[in-house]
Amino acid sequence: MLSNTPIERVYLACGITDLRKSIDGLSVIVQECFDLDPFSPSLLVFCNRKRDKLKILHWDNNGFWLYYRRLEQGIFHWPSDHNGTSMHVSPRQLRWLLDGLQIEQNQAHQGVRARTII
């Protein structure tokens, strides 16, 4: 992202969101529906009904960023089973989602914590 502010968490707004809402409307959803702080160093991600558009809300020092992405083909594999709630995901899972993949990747390499060099 364009900001130098470190991102501590990524939250997905599960289900659908009316993307006609802008910064103020999305901030109210974050605060009142998800009981989260829109001013925290987090990315708050929303998806439309057709799952071809996303908005990402992000607070940066003295103002909000509102990122918008529209797919020309295909859809996002958006979680809908927790409709009306938020879901914490890792930045890596967000990258997968933005790349058109499922949030849970069964074929990804597991992390390794090497302790010695052979």
N, C-alpha and C. Protein backbone atom coordinates (compact mmCIF):
# COMPACT_ATOMS: atom_id res chain seq x y z
N MET A 1 0.84 -1.17 0.00
CA MET A 1 0.00 0.00 0.00
C MET A 1 0.90 1.25 0.00
N LEU A 2 0.31 2.38 -0.24
CA LEU A 2 1.09 3.60 -0.37
C LEU A 2 1.58 4.15 0.97
N SER A 3 0.95 3.76 2.02
CA SER A 3 1.24 4.31 3.34
C SER A 3 2.52 3.73 3.93
N ASN A 4 3.16 4.50 4.80
CA ASN A 4 4.31 4.02 5.56
C ASN A 4 3.89 3.48 6.92
N THR A 5 2.61 3.59 7.25
CA THR A 5 2.10 3.10 8.52
C THR A 5 2.09 1.58 8.50
N PRO A 6 2.68 0.94 9.53
CA PRO A 6 2.66 -0.53 9.54
C PRO A 6 1.23 -1.07 9.72
N ILE A 7 0.94 -2.14 9.02
CA ILE A 7 -0.38 -2.78 9.10
C ILE A 7 -0.28 -3.90 10.13
N GLU A 8 -1.08 -3.80 11.19
CA GLU A 8 -1.05 -4.82 12.23
C GLU A 8 -2.04 -5.94 11.97
N ARG A 9 -3.20 -5.61 11.39
CA ARG A 9 -4.23 -6.62 11.19
C ARG A 9 -4.97 -6.34 9.89
N VAL A 10 -5.58 -7.41 9.36
CA VAL A 10 -6.45 -7.31 8.19
C VAL A 10 -7.77 -7.96 8.56
N TYR A 11 -8.86 -7.23 8.36
CA TYR A 11 -10.20 -7.74 8.66
C TYR A 11 -11.03 -7.73 7.39
N LEU A 12 -11.74 -8.83 7.15
CA LEU A 12 -12.69 -8.91 6.05
C LEU A 12 -14.09 -8.75 6.61
N ALA A 13 -14.91 -7.94 5.95
CA ALA A 13 -16.33 -7.82 6.30
C ALA A 13 -17.04 -8.94 5.55
N CYS A 14 -17.30 -10.05 6.24
CA CYS A 14 -17.90 -11.23 5.60
C CYS A 14 -19.29 -10.89 5.05
N GLY A 15 -19.66 -11.58 4.00
CA GLY A 15 -20.94 -11.30 3.37
C GLY A 15 -20.80 -10.14 2.41
N ILE A 16 -21.91 -9.48 2.13
CA ILE A 16 -21.90 -8.40 1.15
C ILE A 16 -22.00 -7.04 1.84
N THR A 17 -21.44 -6.05 1.18
CA THR A 17 -21.50 -4.66 1.65
C THR A 17 -21.93 -3.79 0.49
N ASP A 18 -22.77 -2.82 0.77
CA ASP A 18 -23.19 -1.85 -0.23
C ASP A 18 -21.99 -0.92 -0.48
N LEU A 19 -21.31 -1.08 -1.61
CA LEU A 19 -20.11 -0.30 -1.87
C LEU A 19 -20.41 1.12 -2.36
N ARG A 20 -21.68 1.52 -2.33
CA ARG A 20 -21.98 2.94 -2.56
C ARG A 20 -21.53 3.75 -1.36
N LYS A 21 -21.34 3.06 -0.24
CA LYS A 21 -20.85 3.74 0.97
C LYS A 21 -19.40 4.17 0.74
N SER A 22 -19.07 5.30 1.31
CA SER A 22 -17.71 5.79 1.21
C SER A 22 -17.05 5.70 2.59
N ILE A 23 -16.10 6.53 2.85
CA ILE A 23 -15.30 6.45 4.07
C ILE A 23 -16.16 6.50 5.33
N ASP A 24 -17.04 7.48 5.42
CA ASP A 24 -17.85 7.63 6.64
C ASP A 24 -18.77 6.44 6.86
N GLY A 25 -19.46 6.00 5.81
CA GLY A 25 -20.38 4.88 5.93
C GLY A 25 -19.67 3.58 6.29
N LEU A 26 -18.51 3.33 5.69
CA LEU A 26 -17.75 2.13 6.00
C LEU A 26 -17.18 2.19 7.41
N SER A 27 -16.76 3.38 7.84
CA SER A 27 -16.25 3.54 9.21
C SER A 27 -17.32 3.23 10.25
N VAL A 28 -18.55 3.63 9.98
CA VAL A 28 -19.66 3.33 10.89
C VAL A 28 -19.88 1.82 10.98
N ILE A 29 -19.83 1.12 9.85
CA ILE A 29 -19.96 -0.33 9.86
C ILE A 29 -18.87 -0.96 10.72
N VAL A 30 -17.65 -0.51 10.54
CA VAL A 30 -16.51 -1.04 11.31
C VAL A 30 -16.74 -0.84 12.80
N GLN A 31 -17.16 0.36 13.17
CA GLN A 31 -17.32 0.71 14.58
C GLN A 31 -18.55 0.06 15.20
N GLU A 32 -19.69 0.16 14.56
CA GLU A 32 -20.94 -0.28 15.18
C GLU A 32 -21.27 -1.75 14.95
N CYS A 33 -21.01 -2.26 13.77
CA CYS A 33 -21.37 -3.66 13.48
C CYS A 33 -20.28 -4.64 13.91
N PHE A 34 -19.02 -4.26 13.75
CA PHE A 34 -17.93 -5.18 14.05
C PHE A 34 -17.23 -4.87 15.36
N ASP A 35 -17.59 -3.75 16.00
CA ASP A 35 -16.98 -3.34 17.27
C ASP A 35 -15.45 -3.27 17.15
N LEU A 36 -14.99 -2.71 16.03
CA LEU A 36 -13.57 -2.51 15.78
C LEU A 36 -13.28 -1.02 15.68
N ASP A 37 -12.03 -0.66 15.83
CA ASP A 37 -11.62 0.74 15.76
C ASP A 37 -11.15 1.06 14.34
N PRO A 38 -11.88 1.92 13.61
CA PRO A 38 -11.46 2.25 12.25
C PRO A 38 -10.15 3.04 12.20
N PHE A 39 -9.70 3.57 13.34
CA PHE A 39 -8.46 4.34 13.40
C PHE A 39 -7.25 3.48 13.78
N SER A 40 -7.46 2.18 13.92
CA SER A 40 -6.35 1.28 14.25
C SER A 40 -5.50 1.05 13.00
N PRO A 41 -4.26 0.60 13.17
CA PRO A 41 -3.40 0.33 12.00
C PRO A 41 -3.79 -0.99 11.32
N SER A 42 -4.99 -1.00 10.74
CA SER A 42 -5.55 -2.20 10.13
C SER A 42 -6.06 -1.89 8.74
N LEU A 43 -6.20 -2.94 7.94
CA LEU A 43 -6.90 -2.85 6.67
C LEU A 43 -8.27 -3.47 6.89
N LEU A 44 -9.31 -2.78 6.48
CA LEU A 44 -10.69 -3.24 6.63
C LEU A 44 -11.25 -3.39 5.22
N VAL A 45 -11.55 -4.63 4.85
CA VAL A 45 -11.85 -4.97 3.46
C VAL A 45 -13.32 -5.34 3.30
N PHE A 46 -13.96 -4.78 2.26
CA PHE A 46 -15.39 -4.96 1.99
C PHE A 46 -15.57 -5.43 0.55
N CYS A 47 -16.62 -6.22 0.31
CA CYS A 47 -16.89 -6.77 -1.03
C CYS A 47 -18.36 -6.55 -1.38
N ASN A 48 -18.63 -6.38 -2.68
CA ASN A 48 -20.01 -6.17 -3.14
C ASN A 48 -20.74 -7.50 -3.37
N ARG A 49 -22.01 -7.41 -3.72
CA ARG A 49 -22.87 -8.59 -3.91
C ARG A 49 -22.36 -9.49 -5.04
N LYS A 50 -21.92 -8.90 -6.15
CA LYS A 50 -21.46 -9.69 -7.29
C LYS A 50 -20.04 -10.23 -7.09
N ARG A 51 -19.37 -9.83 -6.04
CA ARG A 51 -18.02 -10.26 -5.68
C ARG A 51 -16.98 -9.91 -6.75
N ASP A 52 -17.21 -8.79 -7.44
CA ASP A 52 -16.23 -8.35 -8.42
C ASP A 52 -15.61 -7.00 -8.07
N LYS A 53 -15.99 -6.46 -6.91
CA LYS A 53 -15.44 -5.18 -6.46
C LYS A 53 -15.10 -5.27 -4.98
N LEU A 54 -14.00 -4.58 -4.60
CA LEU A 54 -13.57 -4.49 -3.20
C LEU A 54 -13.27 -3.05 -2.85
N LYS A 55 -13.48 -2.72 -1.59
CA LYS A 55 -12.99 -1.47 -1.04
C LYS A 55 -12.20 -1.81 0.21
N ILE A 56 -11.08 -1.12 0.39
CA ILE A 56 -10.23 -1.31 1.56
C ILE A 56 -10.09 0.04 2.26
N LEU A 57 -10.49 0.06 3.52
CA LEU A 57 -10.41 1.27 4.34
C LEU A 57 -9.17 1.18 5.22
N HIS A 58 -8.41 2.26 5.28
CA HIS A 58 -7.16 2.26 6.03
C HIS A 58 -6.88 3.65 6.59
N TRP A 59 -6.70 3.75 7.91
CA TRP A 59 -6.35 5.01 8.56
C TRP A 59 -4.84 5.20 8.48
N ASP A 60 -4.40 6.42 8.13
CA ASP A 60 -2.97 6.72 8.01
C ASP A 60 -2.69 8.10 8.60
N ASN A 61 -2.18 8.14 9.81
CA ASN A 61 -1.75 9.35 10.51
C ASN A 61 -2.81 10.43 10.66
N ASN A 62 -3.23 11.06 9.57
CA ASN A 62 -4.19 12.16 9.68
C ASN A 62 -5.35 12.07 8.71
N GLY A 63 -5.57 10.88 8.16
CA GLY A 63 -6.69 10.71 7.24
C GLY A 63 -6.84 9.28 6.79
N PHE A 64 -7.97 9.02 6.15
CA PHE A 64 -8.27 7.69 5.66
C PHE A 64 -7.81 7.53 4.21
N TRP A 65 -7.37 6.33 3.88
CA TRP A 65 -7.19 5.88 2.51
C TRP A 65 -8.40 5.01 2.19
N LEU A 66 -8.91 5.12 0.99
CA LEU A 66 -9.97 4.23 0.53
C LEU A 66 -9.52 3.66 -0.82
N TYR A 67 -9.11 2.40 -0.80
CA TYR A 67 -8.66 1.73 -2.01
C TYR A 67 -9.87 1.04 -2.64
N TYR A 68 -9.90 1.00 -3.97
CA TYR A 68 -11.02 0.40 -4.69
C TYR A 68 -10.45 -0.50 -5.78
N ARG A 69 -10.97 -1.70 -5.88
CA ARG A 69 -10.52 -2.62 -6.92
C ARG A 69 -11.73 -3.23 -7.62
N ARG A 70 -11.70 -3.20 -8.94
CA ARG A 70 -12.76 -3.79 -9.75
C ARG A 70 -12.14 -4.82 -10.69
N LEU A 71 -12.68 -6.03 -10.66
CA LEU A 71 -12.21 -7.06 -11.58
C LEU A 71 -12.93 -6.92 -12.91
N GLU A 72 -12.20 -7.06 -13.99
CA GLU A 72 -12.80 -7.04 -15.32
C GLU A 72 -13.38 -8.41 -15.66
N GLN A 73 -12.79 -9.47 -15.11
CA GLN A 73 -13.28 -10.82 -15.30
C GLN A 73 -13.12 -11.58 -13.99
N GLY A 74 -14.02 -12.51 -13.73
CA GLY A 74 -13.91 -13.36 -12.55
C GLY A 74 -14.50 -12.71 -11.31
N ILE A 75 -14.36 -13.43 -10.19
CA ILE A 75 -14.88 -12.95 -8.91
C ILE A 75 -13.86 -13.21 -7.82
N PHE A 76 -14.05 -12.53 -6.71
CA PHE A 76 -13.24 -12.79 -5.52
C PHE A 76 -13.87 -13.96 -4.77
N HIS A 77 -13.06 -14.82 -4.20
CA HIS A 77 -13.55 -15.94 -3.39
C HIS A 77 -13.80 -15.41 -1.98
N TRP A 78 -14.90 -14.73 -1.84
CA TRP A 78 -15.21 -13.98 -0.62
C TRP A 78 -15.95 -14.85 0.39
N PRO A 79 -15.54 -14.82 1.67
CA PRO A 79 -16.25 -15.62 2.68
C PRO A 79 -17.64 -15.07 2.94
N SER A 80 -18.65 -15.92 2.80
CA SER A 80 -20.01 -15.48 3.03
C SER A 80 -20.69 -16.25 4.14
N ASP A 81 -20.01 -17.26 4.68
CA ASP A 81 -20.64 -18.09 5.70
C ASP A 81 -20.76 -17.40 7.06
N HIS A 82 -20.04 -16.31 7.27
CA HIS A 82 -20.13 -15.54 8.51
C HIS A 82 -20.76 -14.19 8.22
N ASN A 83 -21.84 -14.16 7.48
CA ASN A 83 -22.47 -12.93 7.01
C ASN A 83 -22.73 -11.95 8.15
N GLY A 84 -22.31 -10.72 7.97
CA GLY A 84 -22.54 -9.68 8.96
C GLY A 84 -21.51 -9.63 10.07
N THR A 85 -20.43 -10.41 9.94
CA THR A 85 -19.37 -10.39 10.93
C THR A 85 -18.05 -10.04 10.26
N SER A 86 -17.04 -9.82 11.07
CA SER A 86 -15.71 -9.59 10.51
C SER A 86 -14.85 -10.83 10.74
N MET A 87 -13.84 -10.97 9.91
CA MET A 87 -12.96 -12.12 9.98
C MET A 87 -11.52 -11.63 9.88
N HIS A 88 -10.69 -12.03 10.84
CA HIS A 88 -9.28 -11.65 10.83
C HIS A 88 -8.53 -12.60 9.90
N VAL A 89 -7.75 -12.05 8.98
CA VAL A 89 -6.91 -12.85 8.09
C VAL A 89 -5.50 -12.25 8.09
N SER A 90 -4.56 -13.02 7.62
CA SER A 90 -3.18 -12.53 7.53
C SER A 90 -3.02 -11.70 6.25
N PRO A 91 -1.99 -10.86 6.19
CA PRO A 91 -1.72 -10.13 4.94
C PRO A 91 -1.49 -11.08 3.76
N ARG A 92 -0.91 -12.24 4.02
CA ARG A 92 -0.68 -13.23 2.97
C ARG A 92 -2.02 -13.75 2.43
N GLN A 93 -2.97 -14.01 3.33
CA GLN A 93 -4.29 -14.47 2.89
C GLN A 93 -5.01 -13.39 2.09
N LEU A 94 -4.84 -12.13 2.47
CA LEU A 94 -5.43 -11.04 1.68
C LEU A 94 -4.83 -11.02 0.28
N ARG A 95 -3.52 -11.21 0.19
CA ARG A 95 -2.86 -11.24 -1.12
C ARG A 95 -3.43 -12.37 -1.98
N TRP A 96 -3.64 -13.54 -1.37
CA TRP A 96 -4.24 -14.66 -2.10
C TRP A 96 -5.62 -14.27 -2.60
N LEU A 97 -6.42 -13.67 -1.74
CA LEU A 97 -7.78 -13.26 -2.09
C LEU A 97 -7.74 -12.27 -3.26
N LEU A 98 -6.85 -11.29 -3.20
CA LEU A 98 -6.73 -10.30 -4.26
C LEU A 98 -6.25 -10.94 -5.57
N ASP A 99 -5.50 -12.02 -5.46
CA ASP A 99 -5.00 -12.73 -6.64
C ASP A 99 -6.00 -13.73 -7.20
N GLY A 100 -7.20 -13.81 -6.59
CA GLY A 100 -8.23 -14.71 -7.11
C GLY A 100 -8.21 -16.10 -6.52
N LEU A 101 -7.49 -16.29 -5.44
CA LEU A 101 -7.39 -17.60 -4.81
C LEU A 101 -8.27 -17.67 -3.57
N GLN A 102 -8.46 -18.89 -3.08
CA GLN A 102 -9.17 -19.11 -1.81
C GLN A 102 -8.31 -18.58 -0.66
N ILE A 103 -8.94 -18.22 0.44
CA ILE A 103 -8.20 -17.75 1.61
C ILE A 103 -7.36 -18.87 2.20
N GLU A 104 -7.91 -20.07 2.22
CA GLU A 104 -7.18 -21.22 2.74
C GLU A 104 -6.53 -21.96 1.58
N GLN A 105 -5.23 -21.98 1.55
CA GLN A 105 -4.48 -22.66 0.51
C GLN A 105 -3.87 -23.94 1.09
N ASN A 106 -4.40 -25.08 0.68
CA ASN A 106 -3.91 -26.36 1.19
C ASN A 106 -2.57 -26.75 0.58
N GLN A 107 -2.21 -26.17 -0.54
CA GLN A 107 -0.99 -26.57 -1.21
C GLN A 107 0.19 -25.63 -0.94
N ALA A 108 0.01 -24.61 -0.14
CA ALA A 108 1.10 -23.68 0.14
C ALA A 108 2.17 -24.38 0.98
N HIS A 109 3.40 -23.97 0.82
CA HIS A 109 4.48 -24.53 1.63
C HIS A 109 4.32 -24.09 3.07
N GLN A 110 4.60 -25.00 3.97
CA GLN A 110 4.55 -24.67 5.39
C GLN A 110 5.79 -23.86 5.75
N GLY A 111 5.64 -22.95 6.71
CA GLY A 111 6.77 -22.18 7.19
C GLY A 111 7.76 -23.08 7.90
N VAL A 112 9.04 -22.77 7.77
CA VAL A 112 10.09 -23.55 8.41
C VAL A 112 10.91 -22.62 9.28
N ARG A 113 11.16 -23.03 10.49
CA ARG A 113 12.05 -22.28 11.38
C ARG A 113 13.35 -23.08 11.51
N ALA A 114 14.29 -22.76 10.66
CA ALA A 114 15.56 -23.47 10.66
C ALA A 114 16.38 -23.08 11.88
N ARG A 115 17.02 -24.07 12.48
CA ARG A 115 17.84 -23.82 13.67
C ARG A 115 19.33 -24.11 13.40
N THR A 116 19.59 -24.90 12.40
CA THR A 116 20.97 -25.19 12.05
C THR A 116 21.09 -25.20 10.53
N ILE A 117 22.32 -25.04 10.09
CA ILE A 117 22.60 -25.11 8.67
C ILE A 117 23.36 -26.40 8.43
N ILE A 118 22.91 -27.15 7.46
CA ILE A 118 23.51 -28.46 7.17
C ILE A 118 24.79 -28.27 6.39
